[in-house]
N, C-alpha and C. Protein backbone atom coordinates (compact mmCIF):
# COMPACT_ATOMS: atom_id res chain seq x y z
N MET A 1 227.34 44.80 25.04
CA MET A 1 227.86 43.66 24.24
C MET A 1 226.80 43.49 22.84
N LEU A 2 228.01 42.92 21.72
CA LEU A 2 227.70 42.58 20.37
C LEU A 2 226.72 41.79 19.97
N ASP A 3 226.21 42.12 19.44
CA ASP A 3 224.93 40.42 18.74
C ASP A 3 225.92 39.80 18.59
N LEU A 4 225.59 38.66 18.01
CA LEU A 4 225.95 37.42 17.31
C LEU A 4 226.49 37.88 16.36
N GLU A 5 225.54 38.33 15.71
CA GLU A 5 225.90 38.75 13.62
C GLU A 5 226.85 39.83 13.99
N THR A 6 226.93 40.77 14.70
CA THR A 6 227.99 41.72 15.06
C THR A 6 229.73 41.32 15.11
N GLN A 7 229.73 40.70 15.81
CA GLN A 7 230.28 39.59 16.36
C GLN A 7 231.55 38.88 14.86
N LEU A 8 230.49 38.43 14.60
CA LEU A 8 230.83 37.35 13.50
C LEU A 8 231.87 38.80 12.44
N LYS A 9 231.08 39.63 11.74
CA LYS A 9 231.62 40.31 11.02
C LYS A 9 232.91 40.76 11.35
N LEU A 10 232.77 41.66 12.37
CA LEU A 10 234.00 41.59 13.07
C LEU A 10 235.59 41.24 12.97
N LEU A 11 235.35 39.31 12.83
CA LEU A 11 235.95 38.50 12.97
C LEU A 11 237.20 38.96 11.44
N GLU A 12 238.77 39.26 11.36
CA GLU A 12 239.31 38.68 10.76
C GLU A 12 240.92 38.46 11.35
N ARG A 13 240.28 37.45 10.40
CA ARG A 13 242.07 36.26 10.47
C ARG A 13 242.91 36.18 9.23
N PRO A 14 243.86 35.84 9.35
CA PRO A 14 245.00 35.59 8.00
C PRO A 14 243.84 35.06 7.41
N LYS A 15 244.45 35.10 5.77
CA LYS A 15 243.55 34.58 4.81
C LYS A 15 243.79 32.95 4.60
N LEU A 16 244.77 32.36 5.28
CA LEU A 16 245.72 31.16 5.34
C LEU A 16 243.80 30.05 6.10
N LEU A 17 244.34 31.26 6.98
CA LEU A 17 243.34 30.82 8.85
C LEU A 17 241.52 30.70 7.66
N ALA A 18 241.60 31.72 7.10
CA ALA A 18 240.03 31.41 6.52
C ALA A 18 239.70 30.62 5.92
N GLN A 19 240.62 30.77 5.19
CA GLN A 19 240.38 29.47 3.66
C GLN A 19 240.70 28.21 3.85
N ALA A 20 241.21 28.17 5.69
CA ALA A 20 240.98 26.56 5.74
C ALA A 20 240.02 26.36 6.28
N ALA A 21 239.63 27.69 6.40
CA ALA A 21 238.69 26.71 7.47
C ALA A 21 236.94 26.74 6.85
N ARG A 22 237.03 27.89 5.29
CA ARG A 22 236.11 27.33 4.40
C ARG A 22 236.11 26.21 3.86
N PHE A 23 237.37 25.78 3.69
CA PHE A 23 237.57 24.60 2.67
C PHE A 23 236.88 23.50 3.42
N GLY A 24 237.45 24.04 5.00
CA GLY A 24 236.81 22.53 5.60
C GLY A 24 235.76 22.21 6.45
N VAL A 25 234.47 23.38 6.44
CA VAL A 25 233.45 23.12 6.82
C VAL A 25 232.43 22.35 6.34
N ASP A 26 232.57 22.14 5.09
CA ASP A 26 231.75 21.33 4.18
C ASP A 26 231.49 19.44 4.94
N SER A 27 233.03 19.34 5.58
CA SER A 27 232.58 18.19 6.17
C SER A 27 232.53 17.97 7.45
N TYR A 28 232.16 19.54 8.32
CA TYR A 28 231.61 19.56 9.28
C TYR A 28 230.36 18.48 9.79
N ARG A 29 230.74 18.04 11.24
CA ARG A 29 229.67 17.21 11.56
C ARG A 29 229.21 16.79 12.89
N ARG A 30 228.61 18.00 12.91
CA ARG A 30 228.27 18.68 14.32
C ARG A 30 228.63 17.40 15.79
N ASP A 31 227.69 16.50 15.17
CA ASP A 31 227.01 15.03 16.47
C ASP A 31 228.90 14.54 16.71
N SER A 32 230.27 14.57 16.00
CA SER A 32 231.85 14.10 16.41
C SER A 32 232.38 15.40 16.38
N HIS A 33 231.98 16.51 15.98
CA HIS A 33 233.06 17.65 15.43
C HIS A 33 233.11 18.31 17.31
N LEU A 34 231.80 18.92 17.57
CA LEU A 34 231.06 19.83 18.91
C LEU A 34 232.06 18.89 20.23
N PRO A 35 231.54 18.40 20.00
CA PRO A 35 231.94 17.52 21.49
C PRO A 35 233.36 17.64 21.39
N ARG A 36 234.19 17.05 20.66
CA ARG A 36 235.61 16.82 20.64
C ARG A 36 236.25 18.36 21.24
N ILE A 37 235.67 19.70 20.68
CA ILE A 37 236.22 21.31 20.47
C ILE A 37 235.48 21.62 22.09
N LEU A 38 234.55 21.48 21.47
CA LEU A 38 233.79 22.31 23.25
C LEU A 38 234.15 20.68 24.25
N GLY A 39 234.73 19.88 24.55
CA GLY A 39 235.15 18.97 25.63
C GLY A 39 233.21 19.24 26.37
N GLN A 40 232.46 18.54 25.97
CA GLN A 40 231.27 18.34 26.24
C GLN A 40 231.08 17.71 25.57
N MET A 41 229.79 16.57 26.34
CA MET A 41 228.55 15.42 25.20
C MET A 41 227.96 15.90 25.17
N ASP A 42 227.35 16.82 26.06
CA ASP A 42 225.75 17.35 25.07
C ASP A 42 225.67 18.44 24.35
N LEU A 43 225.27 18.50 23.83
CA LEU A 43 225.35 19.60 21.87
C LEU A 43 224.68 20.20 22.45
N PRO A 44 225.39 21.60 22.39
CA PRO A 44 224.40 22.67 22.84
C PRO A 44 223.37 23.43 21.82
N ARG A 45 222.74 24.40 22.19
CA ARG A 45 222.39 24.96 20.37
C ARG A 45 223.01 25.94 19.86
N PRO A 46 222.66 25.79 18.51
CA PRO A 46 223.32 26.44 17.33
C PRO A 46 224.08 27.97 18.16
N ALA A 47 223.02 29.00 18.42
CA ALA A 47 223.74 29.67 18.43
C ALA A 47 224.51 29.49 20.33
N ALA A 48 224.34 28.82 21.06
CA ALA A 48 224.65 28.72 22.30
C ALA A 48 226.55 28.40 21.86
N ALA A 49 226.54 27.16 21.31
CA ALA A 49 227.69 26.76 20.63
C ALA A 49 228.14 27.38 20.29
N VAL A 50 227.70 28.35 19.20
CA VAL A 50 228.22 29.84 18.77
C VAL A 50 228.88 30.80 19.41
N MET A 51 228.47 30.77 20.61
CA MET A 51 228.91 32.18 21.55
C MET A 51 229.96 30.92 22.48
N ALA A 52 229.91 29.63 22.15
CA ALA A 52 231.14 29.31 23.19
C ALA A 52 232.18 28.90 22.35
N LEU A 53 232.24 29.10 20.97
CA LEU A 53 233.22 28.38 19.69
C LEU A 53 234.09 30.11 19.98
N LEU A 54 232.89 31.25 19.59
CA LEU A 54 233.46 32.32 19.80
C LEU A 54 234.69 32.17 20.66
N GLY A 55 233.86 32.42 22.24
CA GLY A 55 235.22 32.18 23.05
C GLY A 55 236.73 31.79 22.69
N LYS A 56 236.16 30.29 22.52
CA LYS A 56 237.23 29.15 22.01
C LYS A 56 238.23 30.37 21.11
N GLU A 57 237.80 30.47 20.32
CA GLU A 57 238.53 31.23 18.98
C GLU A 57 238.66 32.22 19.29
N ALA A 58 239.02 33.25 20.01
CA ALA A 58 239.41 34.94 20.56
C ALA A 58 240.52 34.40 21.39
N GLU A 59 240.45 33.30 22.28
CA GLU A 59 241.94 32.52 22.55
C GLU A 59 242.49 32.56 21.81
N LEU A 60 242.25 31.64 21.12
CA LEU A 60 243.16 30.78 20.00
C LEU A 60 244.03 32.56 19.48
N GLU A 61 243.47 33.45 18.98
CA GLU A 61 243.78 34.22 18.58
C GLU A 61 244.74 34.98 19.13
N ALA A 62 244.91 35.18 20.29
CA ALA A 62 245.32 35.81 21.42
C ALA A 62 247.15 35.20 21.64
N HIS A 63 246.50 33.80 21.32
CA HIS A 63 247.55 32.57 21.44
C HIS A 63 248.28 32.78 20.41
N ARG A 64 247.74 32.99 18.50
CA ARG A 64 248.44 33.34 17.64
C ARG A 64 249.52 34.84 18.01
N LYS A 65 248.47 35.82 18.00
CA LYS A 65 249.15 37.45 18.18
C LYS A 65 250.13 36.75 19.21
N GLU A 66 250.69 36.54 19.94
CA GLU A 66 251.02 36.21 21.01
C GLU A 66 252.67 35.27 20.51
N LYS A 67 252.20 34.48 19.25
CA LYS A 67 252.79 33.56 18.86
C LYS A 67 253.80 32.93 20.43
N ALA A 68 252.29 32.07 20.94
CA ALA A 68 252.78 31.34 22.12
C ALA A 68 253.37 29.95 21.72
N GLY A 69 254.09 29.17 22.51
CA GLY A 69 254.36 28.22 21.96
C GLY A 69 253.69 26.70 21.86
N HIS A 70 252.39 26.87 22.76
CA HIS A 70 251.59 25.72 22.85
C HIS A 70 250.48 26.23 21.37
N TYR A 71 250.30 26.90 20.65
CA TYR A 71 249.33 27.46 19.44
C TYR A 71 249.64 26.49 18.23
N ARG A 72 248.28 25.72 18.40
CA ARG A 72 247.92 24.83 16.94
C ARG A 72 247.05 25.45 15.93
N PRO A 73 248.23 26.17 15.30
CA PRO A 73 246.94 26.24 14.13
C PRO A 73 246.01 25.34 13.83
N ALA A 74 246.40 23.84 13.24
CA ALA A 74 245.73 22.96 13.30
C ALA A 74 244.51 22.88 14.35
N HIS A 75 244.12 22.83 15.24
CA HIS A 75 243.51 23.46 15.99
C HIS A 75 242.38 25.01 15.91
N HIS A 76 242.86 25.48 15.67
CA HIS A 76 242.25 27.19 15.54
C HIS A 76 241.94 26.76 14.01
N VAL A 77 241.70 26.46 13.43
CA VAL A 77 241.39 26.15 12.02
C VAL A 77 240.18 24.58 12.18
N ASP A 78 240.15 23.88 13.18
CA ASP A 78 239.06 22.98 14.10
C ASP A 78 238.02 24.09 14.76
N VAL A 79 238.37 24.91 15.43
CA VAL A 79 237.75 25.99 15.60
C VAL A 79 236.80 26.92 15.12
N LEU A 80 237.18 27.32 14.01
CA LEU A 80 236.91 28.07 12.48
C LEU A 80 235.79 27.46 12.15
N ILE A 81 236.11 26.10 12.00
CA ILE A 81 235.47 25.52 10.85
C ILE A 81 234.29 25.20 11.72
N ALA A 82 234.71 24.55 12.97
CA ALA A 82 233.08 24.29 13.87
C ALA A 82 231.98 25.56 14.24
N LEU A 83 232.67 26.76 13.86
CA LEU A 83 231.90 27.98 13.93
C LEU A 83 231.39 28.40 12.78
N LEU A 84 232.01 27.99 11.73
CA LEU A 84 231.31 28.53 10.54
C LEU A 84 230.11 27.98 10.23
N GLY A 85 230.56 26.41 10.77
CA GLY A 85 229.31 24.78 10.80
C GLY A 85 228.18 24.98 11.48
N GLU A 86 228.48 25.83 12.73
CA GLU A 86 227.19 25.81 13.38
C GLU A 86 226.04 26.85 12.92
N VAL A 87 227.20 27.86 12.48
CA VAL A 87 226.52 29.69 12.03
C VAL A 87 225.29 29.08 11.20
N ARG A 88 226.12 28.13 10.12
CA ARG A 88 225.21 27.79 8.95
C ARG A 88 223.87 27.22 9.20
N ILE A 89 223.78 26.09 10.42
CA ILE A 89 223.12 25.44 10.85
C ILE A 89 222.19 26.71 11.71
N MET A 90 222.73 27.68 12.16
CA MET A 90 221.76 28.63 13.24
C MET A 90 221.34 29.61 12.12
N ARG A 91 222.00 29.54 10.31
CA ARG A 91 220.93 30.16 10.08
C ARG A 91 219.79 30.01 8.91
N ALA A 92 220.11 28.59 8.66
CA ALA A 92 219.57 27.40 8.40
C ALA A 92 218.02 27.39 9.22
N ALA A 93 218.05 27.22 10.78
CA ALA A 93 216.67 27.34 11.03
C ALA A 93 216.00 28.63 10.41
N GLN A 94 216.34 29.92 11.04
CA GLN A 94 216.43 31.27 10.87
C GLN A 94 215.55 31.38 9.96
N ASN A 95 216.19 30.39 8.84
CA ASN A 95 215.19 30.72 7.18
C ASN A 95 213.99 29.15 7.26
N ARG A 96 213.65 28.87 8.57
CA ARG A 96 212.54 27.82 8.24
C ARG A 96 211.82 28.29 8.94
N LEU A 97 212.09 29.78 9.53
CA LEU A 97 211.18 30.02 10.37
C LEU A 97 210.15 31.59 9.68
């Protein structure tokens, strides 16, 4: 299994999705966004959240590539925003050590 940093570096998404996520990450609020996206009220640690979000994002990416009728680009962007936000939190915590 690849480590988190490697998995993040391997993410290649369409430019529009990536730009929308980067634009939205500054407004990411863990307490309100993460429970809605993960479907759970207990907030996991940032590394665990990143792993869960990577799984959700992989599913969404598969749906996007399949052109699935239930695929929602806005939800995909929400997940990418949360992923970027959690990575920021995780890296900030590592830098404090």
